[in-house]
All heavy atoms as atom14 arrays in JSON, in Angstrom:
{
  "sequence": "AWAETSTPAYCYRFDVRSADVPPLSGVTHFEEVSFVFHNIA",
  "atom14_mask": [
    [1, 1, 1, 1, 1, 0, 0, 0, 0, 0, 0, 0, 0, 0],
    [1, 1, 1, 1, 1, 1, 1, 1, 1, 1, 1, 1, 1, 1],
    [1, 1, 1, 1, 1, 0, 0, 0, 0, 0, 0, 0, 0, 0],
    [1, 1, 1, 1, 1, 1, 1, 1, 1, 0, 0, 0, 0, 0],
    [1, 1, 1, 1, 1, 1, 1, 0, 0, 0, 0, 0, 0, 0],
    [1, 1, 1, 1, 1, 1, 0, 0, 0, 0, 0, 0, 0, 0],
    [1, 1, 1, 1, 1, 1, 1, 0, 0, 0, 0, 0, 0, 0],
    [1, 1, 1, 1, 1, 1, 1, 0, 0, 0, 0, 0, 0, 0],
    [1, 1, 1, 1, 1, 0, 0, 0, 0, 0, 0, 0, 0, 0],
    [1, 1, 1, 1, 1, 1, 1, 1, 1, 1, 1, 1, 0, 0],
    [1, 1, 1, 1, 1, 1, 0, 0, 0, 0, 0, 0, 0, 0],
    [1, 1, 1, 1, 1, 1, 1, 1, 1, 1, 1, 1, 0, 0],
    [1, 1, 1, 1, 1, 1, 1, 1, 1, 1, 1, 0, 0, 0],
    [1, 1, 1, 1, 1, 1, 1, 1, 1, 1, 1, 0, 0, 0],
    [1, 1, 1, 1, 1, 1, 1, 1, 0, 0, 0, 0, 0, 0],
    [1, 1, 1, 1, 1, 1, 1, 0, 0, 0, 0, 0, 0, 0],
    [1, 1, 1, 1, 1, 1, 1, 1, 1, 1, 1, 0, 0, 0],
    [1, 1, 1, 1, 1, 1, 0, 0, 0, 0, 0, 0, 0, 0],
    [1, 1, 1, 1, 1, 0, 0, 0, 0, 0, 0, 0, 0, 0],
    [1, 1, 1, 1, 1, 1, 1, 1, 0, 0, 0, 0, 0, 0],
    [1, 1, 1, 1, 1, 1, 1, 0, 0, 0, 0, 0, 0, 0],
    [1, 1, 1, 1, 1, 1, 1, 0, 0, 0, 0, 0, 0, 0],
    [1, 1, 1, 1, 1, 1, 1, 0, 0, 0, 0, 0, 0, 0],
    [1, 1, 1, 1, 1, 1, 1, 1, 0, 0, 0, 0, 0, 0],
    [1, 1, 1, 1, 1, 1, 0, 0, 0, 0, 0, 0, 0, 0],
    [1, 1, 1, 1, 0, 0, 0, 0, 0, 0, 0, 0, 0, 0],
    [1, 1, 1, 1, 1, 1, 1, 0, 0, 0, 0, 0, 0, 0],
    [1, 1, 1, 1, 1, 1, 1, 0, 0, 0, 0, 0, 0, 0],
    [1, 1, 1, 1, 1, 1, 1, 1, 1, 1, 0, 0, 0, 0],
    [1, 1, 1, 1, 1, 1, 1, 1, 1, 1, 1, 0, 0, 0],
    [1, 1, 1, 1, 1, 1, 1, 1, 1, 0, 0, 0, 0, 0],
    [1, 1, 1, 1, 1, 1, 1, 1, 1, 0, 0, 0, 0, 0],
    [1, 1, 1, 1, 1, 1, 1, 0, 0, 0, 0, 0, 0, 0],
    [1, 1, 1, 1, 1, 1, 0, 0, 0, 0, 0, 0, 0, 0],
    [1, 1, 1, 1, 1, 1, 1, 1, 1, 1, 1, 0, 0, 0],
    [1, 1, 1, 1, 1, 1, 1, 0, 0, 0, 0, 0, 0, 0],
    [1, 1, 1, 1, 1, 1, 1, 1, 1, 1, 1, 0, 0, 0],
    [1, 1, 1, 1, 1, 1, 1, 1, 1, 1, 0, 0, 0, 0],
    [1, 1, 1, 1, 1, 1, 1, 1, 0, 0, 0, 0, 0, 0],
    [1, 1, 1, 1, 1, 1, 1, 1, 0, 0, 0, 0, 0, 0],
    [1, 1, 1, 1, 1, 0, 0, 0, 0, 0, 0, 0, 0, 0]
  ],
  "atom14_positions": [
    [[-1.92, 14.29, -13.28], [-2.0, 14.24, -14.73], [-3.29, 13.58, -15.17], [-3.92, 14.04, -16.16], [-0.8, 13.51, -15.3], [0.0, 0.0, 0.0], [0.0, 0.0, 0.0], [0.0, 0.0, 0.0], [0.0, 0.0, 0.0], [0.0, 0.0, 0.0], [0.0, 0.0, 0.0], [0.0, 0.0, 0.0], [0.0, 0.0, 0.0], [0.0, 0.0, 0.0]],
    [[-3.72, 12.54, -14.45], [-4.98, 11.89, -14.79], [-6.16, 12.84, -14.57], [-7.07, 12.94, -15.39], [-5.11, 10.6, -14.0], [-4.85, 9.36, -14.8], [-5.75, 8.38, -15.12], [-3.62, 9.01, -15.43], [-5.13, 7.42, -15.91], [-3.82, 7.8, -16.11], [-2.36, 9.59, -15.53], [-2.83, 7.15, -16.86], [-1.36, 8.94, -16.25], [-1.61, 7.73, -16.9]],
    [[-6.08, 13.58, -13.44], [-7.16, 14.55, -13.16], [-7.18, 15.64, -14.19], [-8.27, 16.14, -14.6], [-6.95, 15.14, -11.75], [0.0, 0.0, 0.0], [0.0, 0.0, 0.0], [0.0, 0.0, 0.0], [0.0, 0.0, 0.0], [0.0, 0.0, 0.0], [0.0, 0.0, 0.0], [0.0, 0.0, 0.0], [0.0, 0.0, 0.0], [0.0, 0.0, 0.0]],
    [[-6.04, 16.05, -14.73], [-5.97, 17.12, -15.71], [-6.68, 16.7, -17.02], [-7.14, 17.56, -17.77], [-4.54, 17.48, -16.0], [-3.88, 18.23, -14.86], [-2.36, 18.21, -14.93], [-1.81, 17.74, -15.97], [-1.68, 18.62, -13.96], [0.0, 0.0, 0.0], [0.0, 0.0, 0.0], [0.0, 0.0, 0.0], [0.0, 0.0, 0.0], [0.0, 0.0, 0.0]],
    [[-6.77, 15.4, -17.28], [-7.44, 14.94, -18.48], [-8.78, 14.3, -18.18], [-9.38, 13.65, -19.02], [-6.56, 13.85, -19.18], [-6.36, 12.77, -18.32], [-5.23, 14.49, -19.59], [0.0, 0.0, 0.0], [0.0, 0.0, 0.0], [0.0, 0.0, 0.0], [0.0, 0.0, 0.0], [0.0, 0.0, 0.0], [0.0, 0.0, 0.0], [0.0, 0.0, 0.0]],
    [[-9.26, 14.53, -16.96], [-10.57, 14.0, -16.51], [-10.66, 12.5, -16.68], [-11.74, 11.94, -17.04], [-11.73, 14.68, -17.26], [-11.7, 16.11, -17.03], [0.0, 0.0, 0.0], [0.0, 0.0, 0.0], [0.0, 0.0, 0.0], [0.0, 0.0, 0.0], [0.0, 0.0, 0.0], [0.0, 0.0, 0.0], [0.0, 0.0, 0.0], [0.0, 0.0, 0.0]],
    [[-9.55, 11.81, -16.43], [-9.5, 10.36, -16.48], [-9.54, 9.79, -15.04], [-8.79, 10.29, -14.21], [-8.22, 9.87, -17.2], [-8.13, 10.53, -18.46], [-8.25, 8.37, -17.41], [0.0, 0.0, 0.0], [0.0, 0.0, 0.0], [0.0, 0.0, 0.0], [0.0, 0.0, 0.0], [0.0, 0.0, 0.0], [0.0, 0.0, 0.0], [0.0, 0.0, 0.0]],
    [[-10.38, 8.85, -14.77], [-10.51, 8.38, -13.37], [-9.21, 7.84, -12.81], [-8.52, 7.05, -13.43], [-11.56, 7.25, -13.44], [-12.37, 7.58, -14.68], [-11.35, 8.17, -15.67], [0.0, 0.0, 0.0], [0.0, 0.0, 0.0], [0.0, 0.0, 0.0], [0.0, 0.0, 0.0], [0.0, 0.0, 0.0], [0.0, 0.0, 0.0], [0.0, 0.0, 0.0]],
    [[-8.85, 8.33, -11.62], [-7.68, 7.88, -10.88], [-8.05, 7.7, -9.42], [-8.52, 8.66, -8.78], [-6.52, 8.85, -11.0], [0.0, 0.0, 0.0], [0.0, 0.0, 0.0], [0.0, 0.0, 0.0], [0.0, 0.0, 0.0], [0.0, 0.0, 0.0], [0.0, 0.0, 0.0], [0.0, 0.0, 0.0], [0.0, 0.0, 0.0], [0.0, 0.0, 0.0]],
    [[-7.87, 6.48, -8.93], [-8.15, 6.22, -7.53], [-6.81, 6.08, -6.82], [-6.04, 5.17, -7.09], [-8.94, 4.92, -7.37], [-10.31, 5.04, -8.0], [-10.52, 4.64, -9.34], [-11.39, 5.56, -7.31], [-11.78, 4.75, -9.94], [-12.63, 5.7, -7.91], [-12.84, 5.29, -9.21], [-14.08, 5.43, -9.82], [0.0, 0.0, 0.0], [0.0, 0.0, 0.0]],
    [[-6.51, 7.02, -5.97], [-5.17, 7.17, -5.38], [-5.21, 6.83, -3.9], [-6.23, 7.06, -3.25], [-4.64, 8.57, -5.59], [-4.65, 9.01, -7.39], [0.0, 0.0, 0.0], [0.0, 0.0, 0.0], [0.0, 0.0, 0.0], [0.0, 0.0, 0.0], [0.0, 0.0, 0.0], [0.0, 0.0, 0.0], [0.0, 0.0, 0.0], [0.0, 0.0, 0.0]],
    [[-4.1, 6.3, -3.38], [-4.13, 5.83, -1.99], [-2.76, 6.04, -1.35], [-1.73, 6.21, -2.01], [-4.51, 4.36, -1.89], [-3.45, 3.37, -2.4], [-2.44, 2.97, -1.55], [-3.51, 2.85, -3.65], [-1.44, 2.06, -1.98], [-2.54, 1.94, -4.13], [-1.55, 1.55, -3.28], [-0.56, 0.66, -3.71], [0.0, 0.0, 0.0], [0.0, 0.0, 0.0]],
    [[-2.82, 6.04, -0.02], [-1.6, 5.96, 0.81], [-1.82, 4.84, 1.8], [-2.71, 4.88, 2.65], [-1.33, 7.29, 1.55], [-0.14, 7.25, 2.52], [0.23, 8.63, 3.05], [-0.76, 9.2, 3.93], [-0.8, 9.02, 5.25], [0.1, 8.3, 5.85], [-1.77, 9.6, 5.96], [0.0, 0.0, 0.0], [0.0, 0.0, 0.0], [0.0, 0.0, 0.0]],
    [[-0.99, 3.81, 1.72], [-1.14, 2.63, 2.58], [-0.37, 2.89, 3.88], [0.78, 3.36, 3.83], [-0.59, 1.41, 1.89], [-0.77, 0.14, 2.7], [-2.0, -0.47, 2.78], [0.32, -0.41, 3.36], [-2.17, -1.62, 3.54], [0.16, -1.53, 4.14], [-1.09, -2.16, 4.24], [0.0, 0.0, 0.0], [0.0, 0.0, 0.0], [0.0, 0.0, 0.0]],
    [[-0.99, 2.61, 5.02], [-0.4, 3.07, 6.32], [-0.51, 2.03, 7.39], [-0.91, 2.35, 8.53], [-1.11, 4.35, 6.72], [-0.28, 5.12, 7.78], [0.95, 5.07, 7.75], [-0.93, 5.77, 8.61], [0.0, 0.0, 0.0], [0.0, 0.0, 0.0], [0.0, 0.0, 0.0], [0.0, 0.0, 0.0], [0.0, 0.0, 0.0], [0.0, 0.0, 0.0]],
    [[-0.17, 0.77, 7.1], [-0.18, -0.3, 8.1], [1.1, -1.08, 8.0], [1.46, -1.54, 6.9], [-1.41, -1.21, 7.93], [-1.33, -2.42, 8.9], [-2.7, -0.46, 8.17], [0.0, 0.0, 0.0], [0.0, 0.0, 0.0], [0.0, 0.0, 0.0], [0.0, 0.0, 0.0], [0.0, 0.0, 0.0], [0.0, 0.0, 0.0], [0.0, 0.0, 0.0]],
    [[1.78, -1.3, 9.14], [2.97, -2.13, 9.15], [2.6, -3.53, 9.51], [1.95, -3.8, 10.52], [3.99, -1.59, 10.18], [5.26, -2.39, 10.24], [6.21, -1.88, 11.3], [5.67, -2.01, 12.66], [5.77, -3.13, 13.4], [6.41, -4.17, 12.92], [5.25, -3.14, 14.6], [0.0, 0.0, 0.0], [0.0, 0.0, 0.0], [0.0, 0.0, 0.0]],
    [[2.97, -4.5, 8.67], [2.65, -5.88, 8.91], [3.59, -6.52, 9.91], [4.64, -5.94, 10.27], [2.62, -6.67, 7.6], [3.84, -6.58, 6.92], [0.0, 0.0, 0.0], [0.0, 0.0, 0.0], [0.0, 0.0, 0.0], [0.0, 0.0, 0.0], [0.0, 0.0, 0.0], [0.0, 0.0, 0.0], [0.0, 0.0, 0.0], [0.0, 0.0, 0.0]],
    [[3.3, -7.76, 10.34], [3.99, -8.35, 11.45], [5.42, -8.82, 11.16], [6.19, -9.04, 12.07], [3.17, -9.56, 11.97], [0.0, 0.0, 0.0], [0.0, 0.0, 0.0], [0.0, 0.0, 0.0], [0.0, 0.0, 0.0], [0.0, 0.0, 0.0], [0.0, 0.0, 0.0], [0.0, 0.0, 0.0], [0.0, 0.0, 0.0], [0.0, 0.0, 0.0]],
    [[5.75, -8.96, 9.88], [7.07, -9.51, 9.54], [8.09, -8.44, 9.34], [9.24, -8.73, 8.88], [6.96, -10.39, 8.29], [6.5, -9.62, 7.06], [5.66, -8.71, 7.24], [6.96, -9.92, 5.95], [0.0, 0.0, 0.0], [0.0, 0.0, 0.0], [0.0, 0.0, 0.0], [0.0, 0.0, 0.0], [0.0, 0.0, 0.0], [0.0, 0.0, 0.0]],
    [[7.77, -7.2, 9.59], [8.69, -6.07, 9.37], [9.07, -5.43, 10.7], [8.2, -5.16, 11.54], [8.02, -5.02, 8.46], [8.87, -3.79, 8.35], [7.79, -5.63, 7.06], [0.0, 0.0, 0.0], [0.0, 0.0, 0.0], [0.0, 0.0, 0.0], [0.0, 0.0, 0.0], [0.0, 0.0, 0.0], [0.0, 0.0, 0.0], [0.0, 0.0, 0.0]],
    [[10.34, -5.14, 10.92], [10.76, -4.5, 12.16], [10.11, -3.13, 12.31], [9.87, -2.41, 11.34], [12.27, -4.33, 11.97], [12.68, -5.3, 10.95], [11.5, -5.43, 10.01], [0.0, 0.0, 0.0], [0.0, 0.0, 0.0], [0.0, 0.0, 0.0], [0.0, 0.0, 0.0], [0.0, 0.0, 0.0], [0.0, 0.0, 0.0], [0.0, 0.0, 0.0]],
    [[9.8, -2.73, 13.56], [9.18, -1.43, 13.76], [9.93, -0.27, 13.12], [9.3, 0.66, 12.62], [9.15, -1.3, 15.27], [9.11, -2.73, 15.8], [9.96, -3.51, 14.81], [0.0, 0.0, 0.0], [0.0, 0.0, 0.0], [0.0, 0.0, 0.0], [0.0, 0.0, 0.0], [0.0, 0.0, 0.0], [0.0, 0.0, 0.0], [0.0, 0.0, 0.0]],
    [[11.22, -0.32, 13.12], [12.03, 0.79, 12.57], [11.78, 0.99, 11.06], [11.98, 2.06, 10.54], [13.52, 0.56, 12.83], [14.39, 1.82, 12.88], [13.9, 2.79, 13.93], [15.85, 1.41, 13.16], [0.0, 0.0, 0.0], [0.0, 0.0, 0.0], [0.0, 0.0, 0.0], [0.0, 0.0, 0.0], [0.0, 0.0, 0.0], [0.0, 0.0, 0.0]],
    [[11.38, -0.08, 10.38], [11.11, 0.04, 8.96], [9.78, 0.74, 8.67], [9.56, 1.26, 7.58], [11.07, -1.36, 8.29], [12.32, -1.98, 8.34], [0.0, 0.0, 0.0], [0.0, 0.0, 0.0], [0.0, 0.0, 0.0], [0.0, 0.0, 0.0], [0.0, 0.0, 0.0], [0.0, 0.0, 0.0], [0.0, 0.0, 0.0], [0.0, 0.0, 0.0]],
    [[8.9, 0.79, 9.65], [7.61, 1.43, 9.47], [6.79, 0.79, 8.35], [6.94, -0.41, 8.09], [0.0, 0.0, 0.0], [0.0, 0.0, 0.0], [0.0, 0.0, 0.0], [0.0, 0.0, 0.0], [0.0, 0.0, 0.0], [0.0, 0.0, 0.0], [0.0, 0.0, 0.0], [0.0, 0.0, 0.0], [0.0, 0.0, 0.0], [0.0, 0.0, 0.0]],
    [[5.99, 1.59, 7.71], [5.14, 1.07, 6.58], [5.99, 1.22, 5.34], [5.82, 2.15, 4.53], [3.82, 1.9, 6.51], [2.93, 1.26, 5.49], [3.13, 1.93, 7.89], [0.0, 0.0, 0.0], [0.0, 0.0, 0.0], [0.0, 0.0, 0.0], [0.0, 0.0, 0.0], [0.0, 0.0, 0.0], [0.0, 0.0, 0.0], [0.0, 0.0, 0.0]],
    [[6.87, 0.32, 5.16], [7.87, 0.44, 4.14], [7.41, -0.15, 2.8], [6.27, -0.58, 2.67], [9.18, -0.23, 4.61], [10.24, 0.1, 3.74], [9.02, -1.74, 4.7], [0.0, 0.0, 0.0], [0.0, 0.0, 0.0], [0.0, 0.0, 0.0], [0.0, 0.0, 0.0], [0.0, 0.0, 0.0], [0.0, 0.0, 0.0], [0.0, 0.0, 0.0]],
    [[8.32, -0.19, 1.86], [8.04, -0.73, 0.55], [7.59, -2.18, 0.62], [8.06, -2.92, 1.47], [9.33, -0.61, -0.28], [9.17, -0.76, -1.77], [8.36, 0.08, -2.47], [9.75, -1.59, -2.66], [8.45, -0.26, -3.76], [9.27, -1.28, -3.87], [0.0, 0.0, 0.0], [0.0, 0.0, 0.0], [0.0, 0.0, 0.0], [0.0, 0.0, 0.0]],
    [[6.61, -2.54, -0.2], [6.11, -3.9, -0.38], [5.07, -4.26, 0.65], [4.42, -5.33, 0.57], [7.27, -4.92, -0.29], [6.97, -6.25, -0.94], [7.06, -6.41, -2.29], [6.6, -7.34, -0.17], [6.82, -7.65, -2.9], [6.33, -8.58, -0.75], [6.47, -8.73, -2.13], [0.0, 0.0, 0.0], [0.0, 0.0, 0.0], [0.0, 0.0, 0.0]],
    [[4.79, -3.42, 1.67], [3.93, -3.8, 2.78], [2.5, -4.08, 2.36], [1.79, -4.87, 2.98], [3.94, -2.72, 3.83], [5.17, -2.71, 4.71], [5.41, -4.05, 5.33], [4.84, -4.33, 6.41], [6.13, -4.87, 4.72], [0.0, 0.0, 0.0], [0.0, 0.0, 0.0], [0.0, 0.0, 0.0], [0.0, 0.0, 0.0], [0.0, 0.0, 0.0]],
    [[2.02, -3.4, 1.33], [0.63, -3.59, 0.91], [0.35, -4.89, 0.17], [-0.81, -5.28, 0.03], [0.17, -2.38, 0.07], [0.46, -2.48, -1.43], [1.94, -2.48, -1.8], [2.79, -2.16, -0.92], [2.24, -2.78, -2.95], [0.0, 0.0, 0.0], [0.0, 0.0, 0.0], [0.0, 0.0, 0.0], [0.0, 0.0, 0.0], [0.0, 0.0, 0.0]],
    [[1.41, -5.53, -0.3], [1.24, -6.67, -1.21], [0.43, -7.82, -0.55], [-0.53, -8.32, -1.14], [2.6, -7.17, -1.71], [2.44, -8.51, -2.47], [3.24, -6.15, -2.63], [0.0, 0.0, 0.0], [0.0, 0.0, 0.0], [0.0, 0.0, 0.0], [0.0, 0.0, 0.0], [0.0, 0.0, 0.0], [0.0, 0.0, 0.0], [0.0, 0.0, 0.0]],
    [[0.82, -8.21, 0.64], [0.1, -9.3, 1.31], [-1.36, -8.95, 1.57], [-2.26, -9.8, 1.54], [0.77, -9.69, 2.61], [0.79, -8.61, 3.51], [0.0, 0.0, 0.0], [0.0, 0.0, 0.0], [0.0, 0.0, 0.0], [0.0, 0.0, 0.0], [0.0, 0.0, 0.0], [0.0, 0.0, 0.0], [0.0, 0.0, 0.0], [0.0, 0.0, 0.0]],
    [[-1.65, -7.65, 1.76], [-3.04, -7.21, 2.0], [-3.84, -7.28, 0.7], [-4.97, -7.76, 0.71], [-3.04, -5.78, 2.54], [-2.62, -5.68, 3.97], [-1.27, -5.73, 4.31], [-3.57, -5.54, 4.98], [-0.87, -5.62, 5.63], [-3.17, -5.46, 6.35], [-1.82, -5.5, 6.64], [0.0, 0.0, 0.0], [0.0, 0.0, 0.0], [0.0, 0.0, 0.0]],
    [[-3.26, -6.84, -0.38], [-3.94, -6.84, -1.69], [-4.28, -8.27, -2.1], [-5.39, -8.57, -2.58], [-3.11, -6.14, -2.75], [-3.68, -6.43, -4.15], [-3.05, -4.65, -2.48], [0.0, 0.0, 0.0], [0.0, 0.0, 0.0], [0.0, 0.0, 0.0], [0.0, 0.0, 0.0], [0.0, 0.0, 0.0], [0.0, 0.0, 0.0], [0.0, 0.0, 0.0]],
    [[-3.33, -9.19, -1.91], [-3.53, -10.55, -2.33], [-4.22, -11.43, -1.29], [-4.45, -12.6, -1.55], [-2.16, -11.18, -2.71], [-1.64, -10.78, -4.02], [-0.76, -9.69, -4.15], [-2.04, -11.39, -5.18], [-0.31, -9.27, -5.36], [-1.56, -10.97, -6.42], [-0.71, -9.91, -6.5], [0.0, 0.0, 0.0], [0.0, 0.0, 0.0], [0.0, 0.0, 0.0]],
    [[-4.58, -10.84, -0.16], [-5.26, -11.56, 0.91], [-4.5, -12.81, 1.28], [-5.06, -13.89, 1.51], [-6.69, -11.88, 0.53], [-7.58, -12.12, 1.71], [-7.76, -11.17, 2.72], [-8.38, -13.15, 2.07], [-8.59, -11.62, 3.63], [-9.0, -12.85, 3.26], [0.0, 0.0, 0.0], [0.0, 0.0, 0.0], [0.0, 0.0, 0.0], [0.0, 0.0, 0.0]],
    [[-3.18, -12.63, 1.36], [-2.29, -13.75, 1.65], [-2.1, -13.91, 3.18], [-1.04, -13.73, 3.72], [-0.92, -13.54, 0.98], [-0.04, -14.76, 1.01], [-0.36, -15.77, 1.61], [1.12, -14.64, 0.35], [0.0, 0.0, 0.0], [0.0, 0.0, 0.0], [0.0, 0.0, 0.0], [0.0, 0.0, 0.0], [0.0, 0.0, 0.0], [0.0, 0.0, 0.0]],
    [[-3.2, -14.27, 3.8], [-3.22, -14.35, 5.29], [-2.29, -15.47, 5.75], [-1.67, -15.35, 6.85], [-4.64, -14.61, 5.8], [-5.63, -13.57, 5.26], [-4.68, -14.62, 7.33], [-5.27, -12.14, 5.56], [0.0, 0.0, 0.0], [0.0, 0.0, 0.0], [0.0, 0.0, 0.0], [0.0, 0.0, 0.0], [0.0, 0.0, 0.0], [0.0, 0.0, 0.0]],
    [[-2.16, -16.5, 4.94], [-1.27, -17.6, 5.33], [0.22, -17.26, 5.22], [1.05, -17.98, 5.73], [-1.58, -18.83, 4.47], [0.0, 0.0, 0.0], [0.0, 0.0, 0.0], [0.0, 0.0, 0.0], [0.0, 0.0, 0.0], [0.0, 0.0, 0.0], [0.0, 0.0, 0.0], [0.0, 0.0, 0.0], [0.0, 0.0, 0.0], [0.0, 0.0, 0.0]]
  ]
}
C-alpha cells in the first residue's frame, strides 16, 4: 500500500534466533527486540 502511493517503506524479514529461545521456536515473535535495542546485557 505504501508503494502504491509512492511513500517510502523499508521492509524487512528478521531471521536470527537468539540464545534465550528454544530451537523449536525458531525465529519467533519478539526475537528482533533485543537486537534493535542493542540490549547485549
